């Protein structure tokens, strides 16, 4: 929506700000990975589903509480949170997270689903 309303330059500003915000909020052994246009994965090491949901909720609240870009935009984020199961492929893990992300988006956005 940001790109459509404000252009790609502002959309890029928002993505850079959000990724920096999250990158500075995760532990050094966690990973933030951009996956597609405006989708990111955060891989948390040694975190069960309850901790991961708690972290995603903190991210959601921090994002919601700030204005973003040179346009002072109010931005929200939705999250799909899953826990890796032994011998699961990365493709399966991503698919499960993606299903929950779309559930969050279709349930009103600005939510964490697990």
PDB file of N, CA and C in Angstrom:
ATOM      1  N   UNK A   1       0.818  -1.200   0.000  1.00  0.00           N
ATOM      2  CA  UNK A   1       0.000   0.000   0.000  1.00  0.00           C
ATOM      3  C   UNK A   1       0.858   1.259   0.000  1.00  0.00           C
ATOM      4  N   UNK A   2       1.987   1.204   0.686  1.00  0.00           N
ATOM      5  CA  UNK A   2       2.874   2.370   0.745  1.00  0.00           C
ATOM      6  C   UNK A   2       3.371   2.710  -0.654  1.00  0.00           C
ATOM      7  N   UNK A   3       3.834   1.705  -1.392  1.00  0.00           N
ATOM      8  CA  UNK A   3       4.324   1.958  -2.749  1.00  0.00           C
ATOM      9  C   UNK A   3       3.234   2.558  -3.628  1.00  0.00           C
ATOM     10  N   UNK A   4       2.023   2.038  -3.534  1.00  0.00           N
ATOM     11  CA  UNK A   4       0.922   2.533  -4.362  1.00  0.00           C
ATOM     12  C   UNK A   4       0.533   3.958  -4.010  1.00  0.00           C
ATOM     13  N   UNK A   5       0.581   4.298  -2.735  1.00  0.00           N
ATOM     14  CA  UNK A   5       0.140   5.621  -2.288  1.00  0.00           C
ATOM     15  C   UNK A   5       1.244   6.672  -2.294  1.00  0.00           C
ATOM     16  N   UNK A   6       2.485   6.254  -2.036  1.00  0.00           N
ATOM     17  CA  UNK A   6       3.564   7.225  -1.823  1.00  0.00           C
ATOM     18  C   UNK A   6       4.779   7.007  -2.718  1.00  0.00           C
ATOM     19  N   UNK A   7       4.773   5.944  -3.496  1.00  0.00           N
ATOM     20  CA  UNK A   7       5.878   5.666  -4.403  1.00  0.00           C
ATOM     21  C   UNK A   7       6.892   4.693  -3.818  1.00  0.00           C
ATOM     22  N   UNK A   8       7.708   4.146  -4.704  1.00  0.00           N
ATOM     23  CA  UNK A   8       8.674   3.123  -4.316  1.00  0.00           C
ATOM     24  C   UNK A   8       9.801   3.666  -3.443  1.00  0.00           C
ATOM     25  N   UNK A   9      10.166   4.920  -3.619  1.00  0.00           N
ATOM     26  CA  UNK A   9      11.225   5.482  -2.779  1.00  0.00           C
ATOM     27  C   UNK A   9      10.804   5.502  -1.309  1.00  0.00           C
ATOM     28  N   UNK A  10       9.571   5.900  -1.054  1.00  0.00           N
ATOM     29  CA  UNK A  10       9.069   5.908   0.324  1.00  0.00           C
ATOM     30  C   UNK A  10       8.903   4.469   0.818  1.00  0.00           C
ATOM     31  N   UNK A  11       8.433   3.574  -0.044  1.00  0.00           N
ATOM     32  CA  UNK A  11       8.337   2.164   0.327  1.00  0.00           C
ATOM     33  C   UNK A  11       9.685   1.598   0.725  1.00  0.00           C
ATOM     34  N   UNK A  12      10.729   1.971  -0.027  1.00  0.00           N
ATOM     35  CA  UNK A  12      12.076   1.524   0.320  1.00  0.00           C
ATOM     36  C   UNK A  12      12.519   2.097   1.669  1.00  0.00           C
ATOM     37  N   UNK A  13      12.199   3.362   1.934  1.00  0.00           N
ATOM     38  CA  UNK A  13      12.534   3.970   3.228  1.00  0.00           C
ATOM     39  C   UNK A  13      11.917   3.163   4.370  1.00  0.00           C
ATOM     40  N   UNK A  14      10.648   2.823   4.200  1.00  0.00           N
ATOM     41  CA  UNK A  14       9.935   2.074   5.243  1.00  0.00           C
ATOM     42  C   UNK A  14      10.596   0.714   5.457  1.00  0.00           C
ATOM     43  N   UNK A  15      10.902  -0.001   4.375  1.00  0.00           N
ATOM     44  CA  UNK A  15      11.530  -1.312   4.509  1.00  0.00           C
ATOM     45  C   UNK A  15      12.888  -1.221   5.201  1.00  0.00           C
ATOM     46  N   UNK A  16      13.663  -0.208   4.848  1.00  0.00           N
ATOM     47  CA  UNK A  16      14.975  -0.022   5.480  1.00  0.00           C
ATOM     48  C   UNK A  16      14.816   0.261   6.967  1.00  0.00           C
ATOM     49  N   UNK A  17      13.879   1.134   7.320  1.00  0.00           N
ATOM     50  CA  UNK A  17      13.648   1.460   8.733  1.00  0.00           C
ATOM     51  C   UNK A  17      13.167   0.250   9.524  1.00  0.00           C
ATOM     52  N   UNK A  18      12.198  -0.481   8.964  1.00  0.00           N
ATOM     53  CA  UNK A  18      11.661  -1.636   9.680  1.00  0.00           C
ATOM     54  C   UNK A  18      12.710  -2.723   9.856  1.00  0.00           C
ATOM     55  N   UNK A  19      13.487  -2.977   8.809  1.00  0.00           N
ATOM     56  CA  UNK A  19      14.506  -4.019   8.929  1.00  0.00           C
ATOM     57  C   UNK A  19      15.578  -3.615   9.942  1.00  0.00           C
ATOM     58  N   UNK A  20      15.965  -2.349   9.965  1.00  0.00           N
ATOM     59  CA  UNK A  20      16.941  -1.878  10.956  1.00  0.00           C
ATOM     60  C   UNK A  20      16.373  -1.993  12.367  1.00  0.00           C
ATOM     61  N   UNK A  21      15.106  -1.636  12.522  1.00  0.00           N
ATOM     62  CA  UNK A  21      14.455  -1.710  13.825  1.00  0.00           C
ATOM     63  C   UNK A  21      14.467  -3.148  14.359  1.00  0.00           C
ATOM     64  N   UNK A  22      14.112  -4.084  13.503  1.00  0.00           N
ATOM     65  CA  UNK A  22      14.075  -5.482  13.921  1.00  0.00           C
ATOM     66  C   UNK A  22      15.490  -6.017  14.116  1.00  0.00           C
ATOM     67  N   UNK A  23      16.398  -5.685  13.192  1.00  0.00           N
ATOM     68  CA  UNK A  23      17.780  -6.163  13.305  1.00  0.00           C
ATOM     69  C   UNK A  23      18.413  -5.743  14.628  1.00  0.00           C
ATOM     70  N   UNK A  24      18.105  -4.544  15.073  1.00  0.00           N
ATOM     71  CA  UNK A  24      18.660  -4.061  16.342  1.00  0.00           C
ATOM     72  C   UNK A  24      17.941  -4.644  17.562  1.00  0.00           C
ATOM     73  N   UNK A  25      16.823  -5.319  17.333  1.00  0.00           N
ATOM     74  CA  UNK A  25      16.041  -5.876  18.435  1.00  0.00           C
ATOM     75  C   UNK A  25      16.272  -7.366  18.639  1.00  0.00           C
ATOM     76  N   UNK A  26      16.968  -8.014  17.700  1.00  0.00           N
ATOM     77  CA  UNK A  26      17.183  -9.449  17.843  1.00  0.00           C
ATOM     78  C   UNK A  26      18.572  -9.724  18.412  1.00  0.00           C
ATOM     79  N   UNK A  27      18.747 -10.929  18.886  1.00  0.00           N
ATOM     80  CA  UNK A  27      20.032 -11.334  19.458  1.00  0.00           C
ATOM     81  C   UNK A  27      21.057 -11.561  18.340  1.00  0.00           C
ATOM     82  N   UNK A  28      22.317 -11.549  18.695  1.00  0.00           N
ATOM     83  CA  UNK A  28      23.377 -11.678  17.694  1.00  0.00           C
ATOM     84  C   UNK A  28      23.345 -13.017  16.961  1.00  0.00           C
ATOM     85  N   UNK A  29      22.813 -14.062  17.582  1.00  0.00           N
ATOM     86  CA  UNK A  29      22.763 -15.370  16.918  1.00  0.00           C
ATOM     87  C   UNK A  29      21.440 -15.614  16.184  1.00  0.00           C
ATOM     88  N   UNK A  30      20.531 -14.645  16.162  1.00  0.00           N
ATOM     89  CA  UNK A  30      19.303 -14.722  15.382  1.00  0.00           C
ATOM     90  C   UNK A  30      19.555 -14.119  14.009  1.00  0.00           C
ATOM     91  N   UNK A  31      18.699 -14.426  13.059  1.00  0.00           N
ATOM     92  CA  UNK A  31      18.881 -13.941  11.692  1.00  0.00           C
ATOM     93  C   UNK A  31      17.606 -13.294  11.168  1.00  0.00           C
ATOM     94  N   UNK A  32      17.775 -12.155  10.503  1.00  0.00           N
ATOM     95  CA  UNK A  32      16.684 -11.478   9.810  1.00  0.00           C
ATOM     96  C   UNK A  32      16.943 -11.639   8.321  1.00  0.00           C
ATOM     97  N   UNK A  33      15.958 -12.174   7.593  1.00  0.00           N
ATOM     98  CA  UNK A  33      16.113 -12.475   6.175  1.00  0.00           C
ATOM     99  C   UNK A  33      14.946 -11.858   5.410  1.00  0.00           C
ATOM    100  N   UNK A  34      15.257 -11.074   4.389  1.00  0.00           N
ATOM    101  CA  UNK A  34      14.198 -10.545   3.524  1.00  0.00           C
ATOM    102  C   UNK A  34      13.792 -11.647   2.564  1.00  0.00           C
ATOM    103  N   UNK A  35      12.486 -11.842   2.457  1.00  0.00           N
ATOM    104  CA  UNK A  35      11.944 -12.925   1.640  1.00  0.00           C
ATOM    105  C   UNK A  35      10.826 -12.343   0.785  1.00  0.00           C
ATOM    106  N   UNK A  36      11.157 -11.864  -0.373  1.00  0.00           N
ATOM    107  CA  UNK A  36      10.144 -11.252  -1.218  1.00  0.00           C
ATOM    108  C   UNK A  36      10.022  -9.778  -0.920  1.00  0.00           C
ATOM    109  N   UNK A  37       9.086  -9.126  -1.574  1.00  0.00           N
ATOM    110  CA  UNK A  37       8.905  -7.686  -1.500  1.00  0.00           C
ATOM    111  C   UNK A  37       8.937  -7.106  -0.110  1.00  0.00           C
ATOM    112  N   UNK A  38       7.895  -7.320   0.663  1.00  0.00           N
ATOM    113  CA  UNK A  38       7.817  -6.726   1.993  1.00  0.00           C
ATOM    114  C   UNK A  38       7.740  -7.793   3.084  1.00  0.00           C
ATOM    115  N   UNK A  39       8.117  -8.999   2.757  1.00  0.00           N
ATOM    116  CA  UNK A  39       8.087 -10.079   3.740  1.00  0.00           C
ATOM    117  C   UNK A  39       9.493 -10.364   4.251  1.00  0.00           C
ATOM    118  N   UNK A  40       9.573 -10.621   5.558  1.00  0.00           N
ATOM    119  CA  UNK A  40      10.829 -10.953   6.217  1.00  0.00           C
ATOM    120  C   UNK A  40      10.622 -12.191   7.073  1.00  0.00           C
ATOM    121  N   UNK A  41      11.695 -12.934   7.252  1.00  0.00           N
ATOM    122  CA  UNK A  41      11.720 -14.030   8.207  1.00  0.00           C
ATOM    123  C   UNK A  41      12.732 -13.682   9.279  1.00  0.00           C
ATOM    124  N   UNK A  42      12.385 -13.981  10.510  1.00  0.00           N
ATOM    125  CA  UNK A  42      13.337 -13.881  11.599  1.00  0.00           C
ATOM    126  C   UNK A  42      13.506 -15.286  12.147  1.00  0.00           C
ATOM    127  N   UNK A  43      14.717 -15.802  12.037  1.00  0.00           N
ATOM    128  CA  UNK A  43      15.022 -17.125  12.572  1.00  0.00           C
ATOM    129  C   UNK A  43      15.630 -16.939  13.954  1.00  0.00           C
ATOM    130  N   UNK A  44      14.928 -17.451  14.945  1.00  0.00           N
ATOM    131  CA  UNK A  44      15.347 -17.308  16.343  1.00  0.00           C
ATOM    132  C   UNK A  44      15.939 -18.621  16.808  1.00  0.00           C
ATOM    133  N   UNK A  45      17.157 -18.578  17.277  1.00  0.00           N
ATOM    134  CA  UNK A  45      17.779 -19.804  17.785  1.00  0.00           C
ATOM    135  C   UNK A  45      17.402 -19.992  19.253  1.00  0.00           C
ATOM    136  N   UNK A  46      17.238 -21.243  19.626  1.00  0.00           N
ATOM    137  CA  UNK A  46      16.933 -21.600  21.021  1.00  0.00           C
ATOM    138  C   UNK A  46      15.729 -20.834  21.569  1.00  0.00           C
ATOM    139  N   UNK A  47      14.671 -20.796  20.775  1.00  0.00           N
ATOM    140  CA  UNK A  47      13.434 -20.131  21.213  1.00  0.00           C
ATOM    141  C   UNK A  47      12.255 -21.036  20.865  1.00  0.00           C
ATOM    142  N   UNK A  48      11.447 -21.350  21.865  1.00  0.00           N
ATOM    143  CA  UNK A  48      10.259 -22.145  21.577  1.00  0.00           C
ATOM    144  C   UNK A  48       9.155 -21.231  21.048  1.00  0.00           C
ATOM    145  N   UNK A  49       8.022 -21.804  20.728  1.00  0.00           N
ATOM    146  CA  UNK A  49       6.942 -21.047  20.100  1.00  0.00           C
ATOM    147  C   UNK A  49       6.441 -19.916  20.997  1.00  0.00           C
ATOM    148  N   UNK A  50       6.395 -20.137  22.304  1.00  0.00           N
ATOM    149  CA  UNK A  50       5.911 -19.088  23.208  1.00  0.00           C
ATOM    150  C   UNK A  50       6.843 -17.877  23.204  1.00  0.00           C
ATOM    151  N   UNK A  51       8.135 -18.138  23.226  1.00  0.00           N
ATOM    152  CA  UNK A  51       9.104 -17.032  23.171  1.00  0.00           C
ATOM    153  C   UNK A  51       9.024 -16.325  21.824  1.00  0.00           C
ATOM    154  N   UNK A  52       8.906 -17.094  20.748  1.00  0.00           N
ATOM    155  CA  UNK A  52       8.826 -16.505  19.408  1.00  0.00           C
ATOM    156  C   UNK A  52       7.586 -15.621  19.257  1.00  0.00           C
ATOM    157  N   UNK A  53       6.458 -16.059  19.784  1.00  0.00           N
ATOM    158  CA  UNK A  53       5.232 -15.255  19.740  1.00  0.00           C
ATOM    159  C   UNK A  53       5.423 -13.975  20.540  1.00  0.00           C
ATOM    160  N   UNK A  54       6.038 -14.087  21.693  1.00  0.00           N
ATOM    161  CA  UNK A  54       6.290 -12.914  22.531  1.00  0.00           C
ATOM    162  C   UNK A  54       7.196 -11.904  21.799  1.00  0.00           C
ATOM    163  N   UNK A  55       8.216 -12.386  21.136  1.00  0.00           N
ATOM    164  CA  UNK A  55       9.119 -11.516  20.384  1.00  0.00           C
ATOM    165  C   UNK A  55       8.393 -10.865  19.210  1.00  0.00           C
ATOM    166  N   UNK A  56       7.596 -11.644  18.489  1.00  0.00           N
ATOM    167  CA  UNK A  56       6.831 -11.084  17.366  1.00  0.00           C
ATOM    168  C   UNK A  56       5.867 -10.006  17.851  1.00  0.00           C
ATOM    169  N   UNK A  57       5.243 -10.229  18.978  1.00  0.00           N
ATOM    170  CA  UNK A  57       4.331  -9.228  19.539  1.00  0.00           C
ATOM    171  C   UNK A  57       5.081  -7.951  19.909  1.00  0.00           C
ATOM    172  N   UNK A  58       6.288  -8.084  20.453  1.00  0.00           N
ATOM    173  CA  UNK A  58       7.104  -6.898  20.751  1.00  0.00           C
ATOM    174  C   UNK A  58       7.436  -6.143  19.475  1.00  0.00           C
ATOM    175  N   UNK A  59       7.820  -6.875  18.420  1.00  0.00           N
ATOM    176  CA  UNK A  59       8.090  -6.235  17.122  1.00  0.00           C
ATOM    177  C   UNK A  59       6.847  -5.491  16.640  1.00  0.00           C
ATOM    178  N   UNK A  60       5.698  -6.152  16.721  1.00  0.00           N
ATOM    179  CA  UNK A  60       4.447  -5.553  16.239  1.00  0.00           C
ATOM    180  C   UNK A  60       4.157  -4.252  16.968  1.00  0.00           C
ATOM    181  N   UNK A  61       4.311  -4.257  18.280  1.00  0.00           N
ATOM    182  CA  UNK A  61       4.021  -3.063  19.071  1.00  0.00           C
ATOM    183  C   UNK A  61       5.010  -1.934  18.790  1.00  0.00           C
ATOM    184  N   UNK A  62       6.280  -2.266  18.639  1.00  0.00           N
ATOM    185  CA  UNK A  62       7.283  -1.238  18.334  1.00  0.00           C
ATOM    186  C   UNK A  62       7.006  -0.612  16.971  1.00  0.00           C
ATOM    187  N   UNK A  63       6.694  -1.433  15.986  1.00  0.00           N
ATOM    188  CA  UNK A  63       6.401  -0.927  14.644  1.00  0.00           C
ATOM    189  C   UNK A  63       5.171  -0.029  14.676  1.00  0.00           C
ATOM    190  N   UNK A  64       4.143  -0.471  15.362  1.00  0.00           N
ATOM    191  CA  UNK A  64       2.890   0.280  15.439  1.00  0.00           C
ATOM    192  C   UNK A  64       3.062   1.610  16.172  1.00  0.00           C
ATOM    193  N   UNK A  65       3.973   1.675  17.124  1.00  0.00           N
ATOM    194  CA  UNK A  65       4.094   2.860  17.982  1.00  0.00           C
ATOM    195  C   UNK A  65       4.885   4.010  17.352  1.00  0.00           C
ATOM    196  N   UNK A  66       5.535   3.766  16.235  1.00  0.00           N
ATOM    197  CA  UNK A  66       6.371   4.795  15.609  1.00  0.00           C
ATOM    198  C   UNK A  66       5.782   5.227  14.270  1.00  0.00           C
ATOM    199  N   UNK A  67       6.157   6.421  13.844  1.00  0.00           N
ATOM    200  CA  UNK A  67       5.873   6.808  12.461  1.00  0.00           C
ATOM    201  C   UNK A  67       7.121   6.504  11.643  1.00  0.00           C
ATOM    202  N   UNK A  68       6.916   6.264  10.360  1.00  0.00           N
ATOM    203  CA  UNK A  68       8.005   5.775   9.525  1.00  0.00           C
ATOM    204  C   UNK A  68       8.151   6.604   8.257  1.00  0.00           C
ATOM    205  N   UNK A  69       9.369   6.716   7.811  1.00  0.00           N
ATOM    206  CA  UNK A  69       9.796   7.370   6.570  1.00  0.00           C
ATOM    207  C   UNK A  69       9.688   8.884   6.675  1.00  0.00           C
ATOM    208  N   UNK A  70      10.108   9.530   5.637  1.00  0.00           N
ATOM    209  CA  UNK A  70      10.046  10.993   5.580  1.00  0.00           C
ATOM    210  C   UNK A  70       8.608  11.498   5.536  1.00  0.00           C
ATOM    211  N   UNK A  71       7.667  10.589   5.320  1.00  0.00           N
ATOM    212  CA  UNK A  71       6.242  10.946   5.259  1.00  0.00           C
ATOM    213  C   UNK A  71       5.526  10.749   6.589  1.00  0.00           C
ATOM    214  N   UNK A  72       6.262  10.346   7.629  1.00  0.00           N
ATOM    215  CA  UNK A  72       5.661  10.083   8.946  1.00  0.00           C
ATOM    216  C   UNK A  72       4.432   9.179   8.848  1.00  0.00           C
ATOM    217  N   UNK A  73       4.616   8.031   8.225  1.00  0.00           N
ATOM    218  CA  UNK A  73       3.512   7.101   8.005  1.00  0.00           C
ATOM    219  C   UNK A  73       3.281   6.206   9.210  1.00  0.00           C
ATOM    220  N   UNK A  74       2.026   5.921   9.467  1.00  0.00           N
ATOM    221  CA  UNK A  74       1.668   4.919  10.461  1.00  0.00           C
ATOM    222  C   UNK A  74       1.684   3.566   9.756  1.00  0.00           C
ATOM    223  N   UNK A  75       2.525   2.684  10.236  1.00  0.00           N
ATOM    224  CA  UNK A  75       2.700   1.369   9.630  1.00  0.00           C
ATOM    225  C   UNK A  75       2.380   0.314  10.675  1.00  0.00           C
ATOM    226  N   UNK A  76       1.757  -0.763  10.233  1.00  0.00           N
ATOM    227  CA  UNK A  76       1.533  -1.909  11.101  1.00  0.00           C
ATOM    228  C   UNK A  76       2.134  -3.142  10.424  1.00  0.00           C
ATOM    229  N   UNK A  77       2.257  -4.216  11.183  1.00  0.00           N
ATOM    230  CA  UNK A  77       2.818  -5.450  10.647  1.00  0.00           C
ATOM    231  C   UNK A  77       2.046  -6.645  11.168  1.00  0.00           C
ATOM    232  N   UNK A  78       1.956  -7.647  10.324  1.00  0.00           N
ATOM    233  CA  UNK A  78       1.337  -8.915  10.697  1.00  0.00           C
ATOM    234  C   UNK A  78       2.413  -9.986  10.713  1.00  0.00           C
ATOM    235  N   UNK A  79       2.234 -10.992  11.574  1.00  0.00           N
ATOM    236  CA  UNK A  79       3.245 -12.023  11.756  1.00  0.00           C
ATOM    237  C   UNK A  79       2.616 -13.406  11.763  1.00  0.00           C
ATOM    238  N   UNK A  80       3.273 -14.338  11.112  1.00  0.00           N
ATOM    239  CA  UNK A  80       2.964 -15.756  11.213  1.00  0.00           C
ATOM    240  C   UNK A  80       4.131 -16.426  11.910  1.00  0.00           C
ATOM    241  N   UNK A  81       3.892 -17.048  13.044  1.00  0.00           N
ATOM    242  CA  UNK A  81       4.979 -17.596  13.870  1.00  0.00           C
ATOM    243  C   UNK A  81       4.839 -19.111  13.960  1.00  0.00           C
ATOM    244  N   UNK A  82       5.920 -19.800  13.632  1.00  0.00           N
ATOM    245  CA  UNK A  82       5.947 -21.258  13.724  1.00  0.00           C
ATOM    246  C   UNK A  82       7.221 -21.696  14.430  1.00  0.00           C
ATOM    247  N   UNK A  83       7.188 -22.922  14.903  1.00  0.00           N
ATOM    248  CA  UNK A  83       8.362 -23.525  15.540  1.00  0.00           C
ATOM    249  C   UNK A  83       8.854 -24.657  14.644  1.00  0.00           C
ATOM    250  N   UNK A  84      10.145 -24.687  14.411  1.00  0.00           N
ATOM    251  CA  UNK A  84      10.762 -25.737  13.611  1.00  0.00           C
ATOM    252  C   UNK A  84      10.521 -27.090  14.250  1.00  0.00           C
ATOM    253  N   UNK A  85      10.172 -28.065  13.420  1.00  0.00           N
ATOM    254  CA  UNK A  85      10.055 -29.435  13.898  1.00  0.00           C
ATOM    255  C   UNK A  85      11.199 -30.251  13.305  1.00  0.00           C
ATOM    256  N   UNK A  86      11.664 -31.212  14.054  1.00  0.00           N
ATOM    257  CA  UNK A  86      12.828 -31.999  13.655  1.00  0.00           C
ATOM    258  C   UNK A  86      12.646 -32.578  12.254  1.00  0.00           C
ATOM    259  N   UNK A  87      13.679 -32.443  11.436  1.00  0.00           N
ATOM    260  CA  UNK A  87      13.738 -32.953  10.066  1.00  0.00           C
ATOM    261  C   UNK A  87      12.804 -32.224   9.103  1.00  0.00           C
ATOM    262  N   UNK A  88      12.254 -31.087   9.516  1.00  0.00           N
ATOM    263  CA  UNK A  88      11.372 -30.316   8.631  1.00  0.00           C
ATOM    264  C   UNK A  88      12.204 -29.579   7.587  1.00  0.00           C
ATOM    265  N   UNK A  89      11.713 -29.539   6.380  1.00  0.00           N
ATOM    266  CA  UNK A  89      12.410 -28.796   5.331  1.00  0.00           C
ATOM    267  C   UNK A  89      12.151 -27.305   5.507  1.00  0.00           C
ATOM    268  N   UNK A  90      13.068 -26.506   4.992  1.00  0.00           N
ATOM    269  CA  UNK A  90      12.888 -25.058   5.039  1.00  0.00           C
ATOM    270  C   UNK A  90      11.621 -24.674   4.262  1.00  0.00           C
ATOM    271  N   UNK A  91      11.360 -25.353   3.189  1.00  0.00           N
ATOM    272  CA  UNK A  91      10.153 -25.079   2.388  1.00  0.00           C
ATOM    273  C   UNK A  91       8.887 -25.286   3.210  1.00  0.00           C
ATOM    274  N   UNK A  92       8.835 -26.358   3.977  1.00  0.00           N
ATOM    275  CA  UNK A  92       7.674 -26.631   4.828  1.00  0.00           C
ATOM    276  C   UNK A  92       7.539 -25.581   5.927  1.00  0.00           C
ATOM    277  N   UNK A  93       8.651 -25.232   6.545  1.00  0.00           N
ATOM    278  CA  UNK A  93       8.645 -24.216   7.603  1.00  0.00           C
ATOM    279  C   UNK A  93       8.117 -22.888   7.070  1.00  0.00           C
ATOM    280  N   UNK A  94       8.617 -22.481   5.923  1.00  0.00           N
ATOM    281  CA  UNK A  94       8.186 -21.220   5.308  1.00  0.00           C
ATOM    282  C   UNK A  94       6.708 -21.280   4.930  1.00  0.00           C
ATOM    283  N   UNK A  95       6.277 -22.385   4.396  1.00  0.00           N
ATOM    284  CA  UNK A  95       4.862 -22.524   4.001  1.00  0.00           C
ATOM    285  C   UNK A  95       3.939 -22.393   5.213  1.00  0.00           C
ATOM    286  N   UNK A  96       4.306 -23.041   6.321  1.00  0.00           N
ATOM    287  CA  UNK A  96       3.476 -22.946   7.528  1.00  0.00           C
ATOM    288  C   UNK A  96       3.430 -21.518   8.062  1.00  0.00           C
ATOM    289  N   UNK A  97       4.572 -20.844   8.047  1.00  0.00           N
ATOM    290  CA  UNK A  97       4.609 -19.448   8.505  1.00  0.00           C
ATOM    291  C   UNK A  97       3.783 -18.563   7.579  1.00  0.00           C
ATOM    292  N   UNK A  98       3.875 -18.801   6.284  1.00  0.00           N
ATOM    293  CA  UNK A  98       3.146 -18.006   5.297  1.00  0.00           C
ATOM    294  C   UNK A  98       1.632 -18.166   5.458  1.00  0.00           C
ATOM    295  N   UNK A  99       1.188 -19.366   5.727  1.00  0.00           N
ATOM    296  CA  UNK A  99      -0.247 -19.611   5.949  1.00  0.00           C
ATOM    297  C   UNK A  99      -0.735 -18.796   7.145  1.00  0.00           C
ATOM    298  N   UNK A 100       0.049 -18.789   8.203  1.00  0.00           N
ATOM    299  CA  UNK A 100      -0.333 -18.013   9.395  1.00  0.00           C
ATOM    300  C   UNK A 100      -0.251 -16.509   9.143  1.00  0.00           C
ATOM    301  N   UNK A 101       0.718 -16.077   8.360  1.00  0.00           N
ATOM    302  CA  UNK A 101       0.814 -14.655   8.005  1.00  0.00           C
ATOM    303  C   UNK A 101      -0.451 -14.216   7.273  1.00  0.00           C
ATOM    304  N   UNK A 102      -0.885 -14.998   6.299  1.00  0.00           N
ATOM    305  CA  UNK A 102      -2.099 -14.625   5.563  1.00  0.00           C
ATOM    306  C   UNK A 102      -3.339 -14.715   6.437  1.00  0.00           C
ATOM    307  N   UNK A 103      -3.343 -15.629   7.387  1.00  0.00           N
ATOM    308  CA  UNK A 103      -4.450 -15.675   8.356  1.00  0.00           C
ATOM    309  C   UNK A 103      -4.488 -14.372   9.149  1.00  0.00           C
ATOM    310  N   UNK A 104      -3.323 -13.906   9.595  1.00  0.00           N
ATOM    311  CA  UNK A 104      -3.251 -12.635  10.341  1.00  0.00           C
ATOM    312  C   UNK A 104      -3.743 -11.479   9.482  1.00  0.00           C
ATOM    313  N   UNK A 105      -3.342 -11.453   8.229  1.00  0.00           N
ATOM    314  CA  UNK A 105      -3.759 -10.366   7.335  1.00  0.00           C
ATOM    315  C   UNK A 105      -5.264 -10.402   7.085  1.00  0.00           C
ATOM    316  N   UNK A 106      -5.804 -11.601   6.901  1.00  0.00           N
ATOM    317  CA  UNK A 106      -7.245 -11.721   6.621  1.00  0.00           C
ATOM    318  C   UNK A 106      -8.116 -11.605   7.870  1.00  0.00           C
ATOM    319  N   UNK A 107      -7.483 -11.626   9.045  1.00  0.00           N
ATOM    320  CA  UNK A 107      -8.211 -11.482  10.297  1.00  0.00           C
ATOM    321  C   UNK A 107      -8.169 -10.061  10.835  1.00  0.00           C
ATOM    322  N   UNK A 108      -7.732  -9.131  10.012  1.00  0.00           N
ATOM    323  CA  UNK A 108      -7.753  -7.736  10.412  1.00  0.00           C
ATOM    324  C   UNK A 108      -6.406  -7.040  10.411  1.00  0.00           C
ATOM    325  N   UNK A 109      -5.341  -7.741  10.088  1.00  0.00           N
ATOM    326  CA  UNK A 109      -3.977  -7.166  10.047  1.00  0.00           C
ATOM    327  C   UNK A 109      -3.498  -6.730  11.421  1.00  0.00           C
ATOM    328  N   UNK A 110      -2.210  -6.365  11.477  1.00  0.00           N
ATOM    329  CA  UNK A 110      -1.596  -5.907  12.720  1.00  0.00           C
ATOM    330  C   UNK A 110      -1.803  -6.926  13.836  1.00  0.00           C
ATOM    331  N   UNK A 111      -1.492  -8.191  13.509  1.00  0.00           N
ATOM    332  CA  UNK A 111      -1.719  -9.304  14.441  1.00  0.00           C
ATOM    333  C   UNK A 111      -0.562 -10.280  14.397  1.00  0.00           C
ATOM    334  N   UNK A 112      -0.482 -11.107  15.405  1.00  0.00           N
ATOM    335  CA  UNK A 112       0.452 -12.234  15.455  1.00  0.00           C
ATOM    336  C   UNK A 112      -0.379 -13.496  15.500  1.00  0.00           C
ATOM    337  N   UNK A 113      -0.122 -14.410  14.566  1.00  0.00           N
ATOM    338  CA  UNK A 113      -0.807 -15.702  14.548  1.00  0.00           C
ATOM    339  C   UNK A 113       0.229 -16.803  14.707  1.00  0.00           C
ATOM    340  N   UNK A 114      -0.113 -17.811  15.507  1.00  0.00           N
ATOM    341  CA  UNK A 114       0.794 -18.944  15.692  1.00  0.00           C
ATOM    342  C   UNK A 114       0.014 -20.237  15.719  1.00  0.00           C
TER     343      UNK A 114
END
